[in-house]
């Protein structure tokens, strides 16, 4: 995914928090809310200096997931169809 996706989907901005490594950010939290919400602790979202994870939603996570999987399916399909071939490297004995 690229800058356009981040601009469209991230509400908390694209700056890394000062306390890295830390907990999951908005992107990871949104994916977790969409795909395994039972593992997301709402109390942990509210109890940290970086507020961007609290902006995450399950809907946002589903959109991220759909974009990632859609582009991956397209890329693999192009590889299988021969549209994405790497140059054959020279043989070095």
PDB file of N, CA and C in Angstrom:
ATOM      1  N   UNK A   1       0.829  -1.179   0.000  1.00  0.00           N
ATOM      2  CA  UNK A   1       0.000   0.000   0.000  1.00  0.00           C
ATOM      3  C   UNK A   1       0.871   1.238   0.000  1.00  0.00           C
ATOM      4  N   UNK A   2       0.290   2.338  -0.333  1.00  0.00           N
ATOM      5  CA  UNK A   2       1.103   3.536  -0.466  1.00  0.00           C
ATOM      6  C   UNK A   2       0.567   4.742   0.280  1.00  0.00           C
ATOM      7  N   UNK A   3       1.140   5.886  -0.049  1.00  0.00           N
ATOM      8  CA  UNK A   3       0.802   7.143   0.607  1.00  0.00           C
ATOM      9  C   UNK A   3      -0.674   7.487   0.429  1.00  0.00           C
ATOM     10  N   UNK A   4      -1.219   7.235  -0.746  1.00  0.00           N
ATOM     11  CA  UNK A   4      -2.631   7.540  -0.981  1.00  0.00           C
ATOM     12  C   UNK A   4      -3.518   6.766  -0.021  1.00  0.00           C
ATOM     13  N   UNK A   5      -3.208   5.484   0.169  1.00  0.00           N
ATOM     14  CA  UNK A   5      -3.985   4.667   1.105  1.00  0.00           C
ATOM     15  C   UNK A   5      -3.888   5.233   2.516  1.00  0.00           C
ATOM     16  N   UNK A   6      -2.681   5.570   2.928  1.00  0.00           N
ATOM     17  CA  UNK A   6      -2.482   6.128   4.273  1.00  0.00           C
ATOM     18  C   UNK A   6      -3.237   7.444   4.421  1.00  0.00           C
ATOM     19  N   UNK A   7      -3.167   8.296   3.399  1.00  0.00           N
ATOM     20  CA  UNK A   7      -3.874   9.578   3.454  1.00  0.00           C
ATOM     21  C   UNK A   7      -5.383   9.373   3.577  1.00  0.00           C
ATOM     22  N   UNK A   8      -5.899   8.354   2.899  1.00  0.00           N
ATOM     23  CA  UNK A   8      -7.336   8.105   2.908  1.00  0.00           C
ATOM     24  C   UNK A   8      -7.811   7.440   4.196  1.00  0.00           C
ATOM     25  N   UNK A   9      -6.986   6.588   4.787  1.00  0.00           N
ATOM     26  CA  UNK A   9      -7.467   5.756   5.886  1.00  0.00           C
ATOM     27  C   UNK A   9      -6.949   6.110   7.271  1.00  0.00           C
ATOM     28  N   UNK A  10      -5.763   6.682   7.386  1.00  0.00           N
ATOM     29  CA  UNK A  10      -5.215   6.973   8.715  1.00  0.00           C
ATOM     30  C   UNK A  10      -5.705   8.323   9.211  1.00  0.00           C
ATOM     31  N   UNK A  11      -6.402   8.314  10.315  1.00  0.00           N
ATOM     32  CA  UNK A  11      -6.909   9.565  10.879  1.00  0.00           C
ATOM     33  C   UNK A  11      -5.922  10.178  11.863  1.00  0.00           C
ATOM     34  N   UNK A  12      -5.012   9.361  12.396  1.00  0.00           N
ATOM     35  CA  UNK A  12      -4.068   9.850  13.393  1.00  0.00           C
ATOM     36  C   UNK A  12      -2.776  10.376  12.815  1.00  0.00           C
ATOM     37  N   UNK A  13      -2.676  10.428  11.513  1.00  0.00           N
ATOM     38  CA  UNK A  13      -1.447  10.895  10.887  1.00  0.00           C
ATOM     39  C   UNK A  13      -0.493   9.749  10.623  1.00  0.00           C
ATOM     40  N   UNK A  14       0.672  10.087  10.097  1.00  0.00           N
ATOM     41  CA  UNK A  14       1.625   9.053   9.690  1.00  0.00           C
ATOM     42  C   UNK A  14       2.961   9.191  10.394  1.00  0.00           C
ATOM     43  N   UNK A  15       2.993   9.874  11.521  1.00  0.00           N
ATOM     44  CA  UNK A  15       4.234  10.058  12.260  1.00  0.00           C
ATOM     45  C   UNK A  15       4.376   8.948  13.289  1.00  0.00           C
ATOM     46  N   UNK A  16       5.582   8.402  13.400  1.00  0.00           N
ATOM     47  CA  UNK A  16       5.828   7.389  14.422  1.00  0.00           C
ATOM     48  C   UNK A  16       5.824   8.041  15.796  1.00  0.00           C
ATOM     49  N   UNK A  17       5.285   7.341  16.787  1.00  0.00           N
ATOM     50  CA  UNK A  17       5.281   7.912  18.136  1.00  0.00           C
ATOM     51  C   UNK A  17       6.687   7.992  18.709  1.00  0.00           C
ATOM     52  N   UNK A  18       6.866   8.885  19.659  1.00  0.00           N
ATOM     53  CA  UNK A  18       8.178   9.078  20.277  1.00  0.00           C
ATOM     54  C   UNK A  18       8.596   7.912  21.167  1.00  0.00           C
ATOM     55  N   UNK A  19       7.650   7.144  21.660  1.00  0.00           N
ATOM     56  CA  UNK A  19       7.962   6.074  22.604  1.00  0.00           C
ATOM     57  C   UNK A  19       8.063   4.702  21.924  1.00  0.00           C
ATOM     58  N   UNK A  20       8.669   4.656  20.749  1.00  0.00           N
ATOM     59  CA  UNK A  20       8.844   3.380  20.041  1.00  0.00           C
ATOM     60  C   UNK A  20       9.974   2.591  20.675  1.00  0.00           C
ATOM     61  N   UNK A  21       9.955   1.276  20.725  1.00  0.00           N
ATOM     62  CA  UNK A  21       8.794   0.493  20.322  1.00  0.00           C
ATOM     63  C   UNK A  21       7.702   0.592  21.372  1.00  0.00           C
ATOM     64  N   UNK A  22       6.502   0.591  20.908  1.00  0.00           N
ATOM     65  CA  UNK A  22       5.370   0.699  21.817  1.00  0.00           C
ATOM     66  C   UNK A  22       4.314  -0.316  21.454  1.00  0.00           C
ATOM     67  N   UNK A  23       3.100   0.063  21.664  1.00  0.00           N
ATOM     68  CA  UNK A  23       1.982  -0.821  21.387  1.00  0.00           C
ATOM     69  C   UNK A  23       1.561  -0.638  19.923  1.00  0.00           C
ATOM     70  N   UNK A  24       0.587  -1.404  19.485  1.00  0.00           N
ATOM     71  CA  UNK A  24       0.084  -1.284  18.120  1.00  0.00           C
ATOM     72  C   UNK A  24      -0.429   0.132  17.868  1.00  0.00           C
ATOM     73  N   UNK A  25      -0.276   0.588  16.653  1.00  0.00           N
ATOM     74  CA  UNK A  25      -0.748   1.913  16.263  1.00  0.00           C
ATOM     75  C   UNK A  25      -2.120   1.788  15.602  1.00  0.00           C
ATOM     76  N   UNK A  26      -2.563   2.833  14.971  1.00  0.00           N
ATOM     77  CA  UNK A  26      -3.897   2.874  14.378  1.00  0.00           C
ATOM     78  C   UNK A  26      -4.103   1.764  13.346  1.00  0.00           C
ATOM     79  N   UNK A  27      -3.135   1.579  12.446  1.00  0.00           N
ATOM     80  CA  UNK A  27      -3.246   0.563  11.396  1.00  0.00           C
ATOM     81  C   UNK A  27      -3.417  -0.834  11.985  1.00  0.00           C
ATOM     82  N   UNK A  28      -2.503  -1.224  12.876  1.00  0.00           N
ATOM     83  CA  UNK A  28      -2.540  -2.567  13.456  1.00  0.00           C
ATOM     84  C   UNK A  28      -3.786  -2.774  14.318  1.00  0.00           C
ATOM     85  N   UNK A  29      -4.165  -1.741  15.053  1.00  0.00           N
ATOM     86  CA  UNK A  29      -5.343  -1.843  15.912  1.00  0.00           C
ATOM     87  C   UNK A  29      -6.603  -2.010  15.073  1.00  0.00           C
ATOM     88  N   UNK A  30      -6.696  -1.284  13.969  1.00  0.00           N
ATOM     89  CA  UNK A  30      -7.861  -1.401  13.089  1.00  0.00           C
ATOM     90  C   UNK A  30      -7.967  -2.808  12.507  1.00  0.00           C
ATOM     91  N   UNK A  31      -6.849  -3.378  12.066  1.00  0.00           N
ATOM     92  CA  UNK A  31      -6.858  -4.750  11.537  1.00  0.00           C
ATOM     93  C   UNK A  31      -7.305  -5.718  12.627  1.00  0.00           C
ATOM     94  N   UNK A  32      -6.765  -5.556  13.832  1.00  0.00           N
ATOM     95  CA  UNK A  32      -7.133  -6.441  14.943  1.00  0.00           C
ATOM     96  C   UNK A  32      -8.618  -6.313  15.272  1.00  0.00           C
ATOM     97  N   UNK A  33      -9.142  -5.100  15.280  1.00  0.00           N
ATOM     98  CA  UNK A  33     -10.566  -4.896  15.573  1.00  0.00           C
ATOM     99  C   UNK A  33     -11.448  -5.582  14.536  1.00  0.00           C
ATOM    100  N   UNK A  34     -10.995  -5.593  13.294  1.00  0.00           N
ATOM    101  CA  UNK A  34     -11.772  -6.201  12.217  1.00  0.00           C
ATOM    102  C   UNK A  34     -11.673  -7.718  12.214  1.00  0.00           C
ATOM    103  N   UNK A  35     -10.487  -8.250  12.475  1.00  0.00           N
ATOM    104  CA  UNK A  35     -10.260  -9.682  12.269  1.00  0.00           C
ATOM    105  C   UNK A  35     -10.237 -10.520  13.548  1.00  0.00           C
ATOM    106  N   UNK A  36      -9.870  -9.946  14.684  1.00  0.00           N
ATOM    107  CA  UNK A  36      -9.915 -10.688  15.954  1.00  0.00           C
ATOM    108  C   UNK A  36     -10.198  -9.719  17.099  1.00  0.00           C
ATOM    109  N   UNK A  37     -11.412  -9.168  17.100  1.00  0.00           N
ATOM    110  CA  UNK A  37     -11.770  -8.138  18.079  1.00  0.00           C
ATOM    111  C   UNK A  37     -11.701  -8.610  19.528  1.00  0.00           C
ATOM    112  N   UNK A  38     -11.820  -9.898  19.744  1.00  0.00           N
ATOM    113  CA  UNK A  38     -11.756 -10.425  21.111  1.00  0.00           C
ATOM    114  C   UNK A  38     -10.384 -10.217  21.747  1.00  0.00           C
ATOM    115  N   UNK A  39      -9.376  -9.933  20.941  1.00  0.00           N
ATOM    116  CA  UNK A  39      -8.020  -9.713  21.456  1.00  0.00           C
ATOM    117  C   UNK A  39      -7.672  -8.235  21.655  1.00  0.00           C
ATOM    118  N   UNK A  40      -8.582  -7.348  21.324  1.00  0.00           N
ATOM    119  CA  UNK A  40      -8.327  -5.915  21.470  1.00  0.00           C
ATOM    120  C   UNK A  40      -8.840  -5.456  22.832  1.00  0.00           C
ATOM    121  N   UNK A  41      -7.957  -4.882  23.611  1.00  0.00           N
ATOM    122  CA  UNK A  41      -8.325  -4.384  24.942  1.00  0.00           C
ATOM    123  C   UNK A  41      -8.584  -2.883  24.869  1.00  0.00           C
ATOM    124  N   UNK A  42      -9.842  -2.504  24.969  1.00  0.00           N
ATOM    125  CA  UNK A  42     -10.213  -1.089  24.891  1.00  0.00           C
ATOM    126  C   UNK A  42      -9.547  -0.279  25.994  1.00  0.00           C
ATOM    127  N   UNK A  43      -9.366  -0.879  27.162  1.00  0.00           N
ATOM    128  CA  UNK A  43      -8.725  -0.153  28.260  1.00  0.00           C
ATOM    129  C   UNK A  43      -7.274   0.186  27.927  1.00  0.00           C
ATOM    130  N   UNK A  44      -6.606  -0.673  27.171  1.00  0.00           N
ATOM    131  CA  UNK A  44      -5.211  -0.418  26.789  1.00  0.00           C
ATOM    132  C   UNK A  44      -5.125   0.724  25.774  1.00  0.00           C
ATOM    133  N   UNK A  45      -6.150   0.882  24.954  1.00  0.00           N
ATOM    134  CA  UNK A  45      -6.158   1.977  23.977  1.00  0.00           C
ATOM    135  C   UNK A  45      -6.188   3.333  24.670  1.00  0.00           C
ATOM    136  N   UNK A  46      -6.908   3.399  25.753  1.00  0.00           N
ATOM    137  CA  UNK A  46      -7.068   4.673  26.456  1.00  0.00           C
ATOM    138  C   UNK A  46      -5.910   4.978  27.396  1.00  0.00           C
ATOM    139  N   UNK A  47      -5.090   3.976  27.675  1.00  0.00           N
ATOM    140  CA  UNK A  47      -4.062   4.124  28.707  1.00  0.00           C
ATOM    141  C   UNK A  47      -2.653   4.160  28.126  1.00  0.00           C
ATOM    142  N   UNK A  48      -2.414   5.046  27.157  1.00  0.00           N
ATOM    143  CA  UNK A  48      -1.073   5.213  26.610  1.00  0.00           C
ATOM    144  C   UNK A  48      -0.913   6.626  26.063  1.00  0.00           C
ATOM    145  N   UNK A  49       0.315   7.105  26.011  1.00  0.00           N
ATOM    146  CA  UNK A  49       0.542   8.494  25.577  1.00  0.00           C
ATOM    147  C   UNK A  49       0.110   8.760  24.138  1.00  0.00           C
ATOM    148  N   UNK A  50       0.342   7.807  23.246  1.00  0.00           N
ATOM    149  CA  UNK A  50      -0.025   7.982  21.840  1.00  0.00           C
ATOM    150  C   UNK A  50      -1.506   7.654  21.682  1.00  0.00           C
ATOM    151  N   UNK A  51      -2.277   8.595  21.222  1.00  0.00           N
ATOM    152  CA  UNK A  51      -3.726   8.411  21.125  1.00  0.00           C
ATOM    153  C   UNK A  51      -4.175   7.836  19.787  1.00  0.00           C
ATOM    154  N   UNK A  52      -3.271   7.672  18.813  1.00  0.00           N
ATOM    155  CA  UNK A  52      -3.710   7.241  17.483  1.00  0.00           C
ATOM    156  C   UNK A  52      -4.386   5.870  17.467  1.00  0.00           C
ATOM    157  N   UNK A  53      -3.998   4.886  18.287  1.00  0.00           N
ATOM    158  CA  UNK A  53      -4.714   3.618  18.249  1.00  0.00           C
ATOM    159  C   UNK A  53      -6.197   3.754  18.599  1.00  0.00           C
ATOM    160  N   UNK A  54      -6.541   4.724  19.430  1.00  0.00           N
ATOM    161  CA  UNK A  54      -7.938   4.915  19.815  1.00  0.00           C
ATOM    162  C   UNK A  54      -8.792   5.409  18.646  1.00  0.00           C
ATOM    163  N   UNK A  55      -8.167   5.872  17.574  1.00  0.00           N
ATOM    164  CA  UNK A  55      -8.896   6.327  16.388  1.00  0.00           C
ATOM    165  C   UNK A  55      -9.298   5.168  15.482  1.00  0.00           C
ATOM    166  N   UNK A  56      -8.753   3.993  15.715  1.00  0.00           N
ATOM    167  CA  UNK A  56      -8.996   2.837  14.854  1.00  0.00           C
ATOM    168  C   UNK A  56     -10.432   2.338  14.984  1.00  0.00           C
ATOM    169  N   UNK A  57     -10.948   1.812  13.865  1.00  0.00           N
ATOM    170  CA  UNK A  57     -12.273   1.191  13.863  1.00  0.00           C
ATOM    171  C   UNK A  57     -12.195  -0.128  13.108  1.00  0.00           C
ATOM    172  N   UNK A  58     -13.152  -1.007  13.374  1.00  0.00           N
ATOM    173  CA  UNK A  58     -13.217  -2.275  12.647  1.00  0.00           C
ATOM    174  C   UNK A  58     -13.477  -2.027  11.162  1.00  0.00           C
ATOM    175  N   UNK A  59     -14.291  -1.034  10.853  1.00  0.00           N
ATOM    176  CA  UNK A  59     -14.575  -0.716   9.450  1.00  0.00           C
ATOM    177  C   UNK A  59     -13.297  -0.307   8.726  1.00  0.00           C
ATOM    178  N   UNK A  60     -12.494   0.503   9.386  1.00  0.00           N
ATOM    179  CA  UNK A  60     -11.211   0.923   8.826  1.00  0.00           C
ATOM    180  C   UNK A  60     -10.316  -0.301   8.624  1.00  0.00           C
ATOM    181  N   UNK A  61     -10.288  -1.205   9.591  1.00  0.00           N
ATOM    182  CA  UNK A  61      -9.488  -2.426   9.479  1.00  0.00           C
ATOM    183  C   UNK A  61      -9.928  -3.291   8.317  1.00  0.00           C
ATOM    184  N   UNK A  62     -11.240  -3.403   8.122  1.00  0.00           N
ATOM    185  CA  UNK A  62     -11.742  -4.172   6.980  1.00  0.00           C
ATOM    186  C   UNK A  62     -11.323  -3.534   5.665  1.00  0.00           C
ATOM    187  N   UNK A  63     -11.332  -2.217   5.597  1.00  0.00           N
ATOM    188  CA  UNK A  63     -10.904  -1.526   4.373  1.00  0.00           C
ATOM    189  C   UNK A  63      -9.421  -1.765   4.105  1.00  0.00           C
ATOM    190  N   UNK A  64      -8.583  -1.658   5.145  1.00  0.00           N
ATOM    191  CA  UNK A  64      -7.151  -1.966   4.983  1.00  0.00           C
ATOM    192  C   UNK A  64      -6.992  -3.392   4.475  1.00  0.00           C
ATOM    193  N   UNK A  65      -7.671  -4.324   5.125  1.00  0.00           N
ATOM    194  CA  UNK A  65      -7.541  -5.741   4.775  1.00  0.00           C
ATOM    195  C   UNK A  65      -7.966  -5.985   3.326  1.00  0.00           C
ATOM    196  N   UNK A  66      -9.075  -5.381   2.909  1.00  0.00           N
ATOM    197  CA  UNK A  66      -9.546  -5.548   1.534  1.00  0.00           C
ATOM    198  C   UNK A  66      -8.547  -4.977   0.529  1.00  0.00           C
ATOM    199  N   UNK A  67      -7.975  -3.837   0.830  1.00  0.00           N
ATOM    200  CA  UNK A  67      -6.991  -3.247  -0.082  1.00  0.00           C
ATOM    201  C   UNK A  67      -5.744  -4.123  -0.185  1.00  0.00           C
ATOM    202  N   UNK A  68      -5.240  -4.575   0.943  1.00  0.00           N
ATOM    203  CA  UNK A  68      -4.032  -5.411   0.940  1.00  0.00           C
ATOM    204  C   UNK A  68      -4.290  -6.710   0.187  1.00  0.00           C
ATOM    205  N   UNK A  69      -5.360  -7.417   0.540  1.00  0.00           N
ATOM    206  CA  UNK A  69      -5.614  -8.710  -0.104  1.00  0.00           C
ATOM    207  C   UNK A  69      -5.969  -8.539  -1.574  1.00  0.00           C
ATOM    208  N   UNK A  70      -6.704  -7.490  -1.917  1.00  0.00           N
ATOM    209  CA  UNK A  70      -7.048  -7.255  -3.320  1.00  0.00           C
ATOM    210  C   UNK A  70      -5.817  -7.031  -4.182  1.00  0.00           C
ATOM    211  N   UNK A  71      -4.890  -6.249  -3.675  1.00  0.00           N
ATOM    212  CA  UNK A  71      -3.664  -5.984  -4.443  1.00  0.00           C
ATOM    213  C   UNK A  71      -2.754  -7.202  -4.485  1.00  0.00           C
ATOM    214  N   UNK A  72      -2.745  -7.966  -3.418  1.00  0.00           N
ATOM    215  CA  UNK A  72      -1.940  -9.185  -3.401  1.00  0.00           C
ATOM    216  C   UNK A  72      -2.488 -10.201  -4.401  1.00  0.00           C
ATOM    217  N   UNK A  73      -3.799 -10.377  -4.429  1.00  0.00           N
ATOM    218  CA  UNK A  73      -4.425 -11.297  -5.387  1.00  0.00           C
ATOM    219  C   UNK A  73      -4.111 -10.860  -6.814  1.00  0.00           C
ATOM    220  N   UNK A  74      -4.209  -9.563  -7.084  1.00  0.00           N
ATOM    221  CA  UNK A  74      -3.902  -9.046  -8.425  1.00  0.00           C
ATOM    222  C   UNK A  74      -2.441  -9.310  -8.786  1.00  0.00           C
ATOM    223  N   UNK A  75      -1.524  -9.029  -7.859  1.00  0.00           N
ATOM    224  CA  UNK A  75      -0.098  -9.221  -8.113  1.00  0.00           C
ATOM    225  C   UNK A  75       0.218 -10.693  -8.390  1.00  0.00           C
ATOM    226  N   UNK A  76      -0.286 -11.593  -7.548  1.00  0.00           N
ATOM    227  CA  UNK A  76      -0.014 -13.025  -7.737  1.00  0.00           C
ATOM    228  C   UNK A  76      -0.621 -13.505  -9.051  1.00  0.00           C
ATOM    229  N   UNK A  77      -1.807 -13.029  -9.391  1.00  0.00           N
ATOM    230  CA  UNK A  77      -2.419 -13.386 -10.670  1.00  0.00           C
ATOM    231  C   UNK A  77      -1.560 -12.958 -11.849  1.00  0.00           C
ATOM    232  N   UNK A  78      -0.981 -11.766 -11.760  1.00  0.00           N
ATOM    233  CA  UNK A  78      -0.097 -11.285 -12.823  1.00  0.00           C
ATOM    234  C   UNK A  78       1.178 -12.120 -12.905  1.00  0.00           C
ATOM    235  N   UNK A  79       1.692 -12.562 -11.778  1.00  0.00           N
ATOM    236  CA  UNK A  79       2.872 -13.441 -11.779  1.00  0.00           C
ATOM    237  C   UNK A  79       2.521 -14.760 -12.463  1.00  0.00           C
ATOM    238  N   UNK A  80       1.394 -15.338 -12.091  1.00  0.00           N
ATOM    239  CA  UNK A  80       0.970 -16.620 -12.669  1.00  0.00           C
ATOM    240  C   UNK A  80       0.736 -16.488 -14.169  1.00  0.00           C
ATOM    241  N   UNK A  81       0.148 -15.376 -14.596  1.00  0.00           N
ATOM    242  CA  UNK A  81      -0.136 -15.159 -16.021  1.00  0.00           C
ATOM    243  C   UNK A  81       1.092 -14.758 -16.829  1.00  0.00           C
ATOM    244  N   UNK A  82       2.234 -14.583 -16.174  1.00  0.00           N
ATOM    245  CA  UNK A  82       3.463 -14.227 -16.873  1.00  0.00           C
ATOM    246  C   UNK A  82       3.626 -12.744 -17.136  1.00  0.00           C
ATOM    247  N   UNK A  83       2.771 -11.920 -16.552  1.00  0.00           N
ATOM    248  CA  UNK A  83       2.858 -10.475 -16.770  1.00  0.00           C
ATOM    249  C   UNK A  83       3.948  -9.831 -15.921  1.00  0.00           C
ATOM    250  N   UNK A  84       4.401 -10.511 -14.912  1.00  0.00           N
ATOM    251  CA  UNK A  84       5.437  -9.971 -14.013  1.00  0.00           C
ATOM    252  C   UNK A  84       6.599 -10.953 -13.970  1.00  0.00           C
ATOM    253  N   UNK A  85       7.431 -10.881 -14.966  1.00  0.00           N
ATOM    254  CA  UNK A  85       8.588 -11.765 -15.021  1.00  0.00           C
ATOM    255  C   UNK A  85       9.857 -10.978 -14.766  1.00  0.00           C
ATOM    256  N   UNK A  86      10.669 -11.523 -13.911  1.00  0.00           N
ATOM    257  CA  UNK A  86      11.976 -10.921 -13.664  1.00  0.00           C
ATOM    258  C   UNK A  86      12.918 -11.340 -14.774  1.00  0.00           C
ATOM    259  N   UNK A  87      13.923 -10.509 -14.992  1.00  0.00           N
ATOM    260  CA  UNK A  87      14.942 -10.907 -15.952  1.00  0.00           C
ATOM    261  C   UNK A  87      15.685 -12.109 -15.393  1.00  0.00           C
ATOM    262  N   UNK A  88      16.044 -13.027 -16.279  1.00  0.00           N
ATOM    263  CA  UNK A  88      16.814 -14.184 -15.852  1.00  0.00           C
ATOM    264  C   UNK A  88      18.238 -13.734 -15.581  1.00  0.00           C
ATOM    265  N   UNK A  89      18.709 -13.959 -14.361  1.00  0.00           N
ATOM    266  CA  UNK A  89      20.080 -13.531 -14.060  1.00  0.00           C
ATOM    267  C   UNK A  89      21.092 -14.373 -14.833  1.00  0.00           C
ATOM    268  N   UNK A  90      22.233 -13.798 -15.134  1.00  0.00           N
ATOM    269  CA  UNK A  90      23.261 -14.575 -15.837  1.00  0.00           C
ATOM    270  C   UNK A  90      23.746 -15.719 -14.943  1.00  0.00           C
ATOM    271  N   UNK A  91      24.142 -16.776 -15.589  1.00  0.00           N
ATOM    272  CA  UNK A  91      24.636 -17.945 -14.860  1.00  0.00           C
ATOM    273  C   UNK A  91      26.067 -17.694 -14.415  1.00  0.00           C
ATOM    274  N   UNK A  92      26.324 -17.914 -13.149  1.00  0.00           N
ATOM    275  CA  UNK A  92      27.674 -17.768 -12.595  1.00  0.00           C
ATOM    276  C   UNK A  92      28.071 -19.080 -11.938  1.00  0.00           C
ATOM    277  N   UNK A  93      28.947 -19.850 -12.611  1.00  0.00           N
ATOM    278  CA  UNK A  93      29.340 -21.152 -12.025  1.00  0.00           C
ATOM    279  C   UNK A  93      30.170 -21.009 -10.762  1.00  0.00           C
TER     280      UNK A  93
END
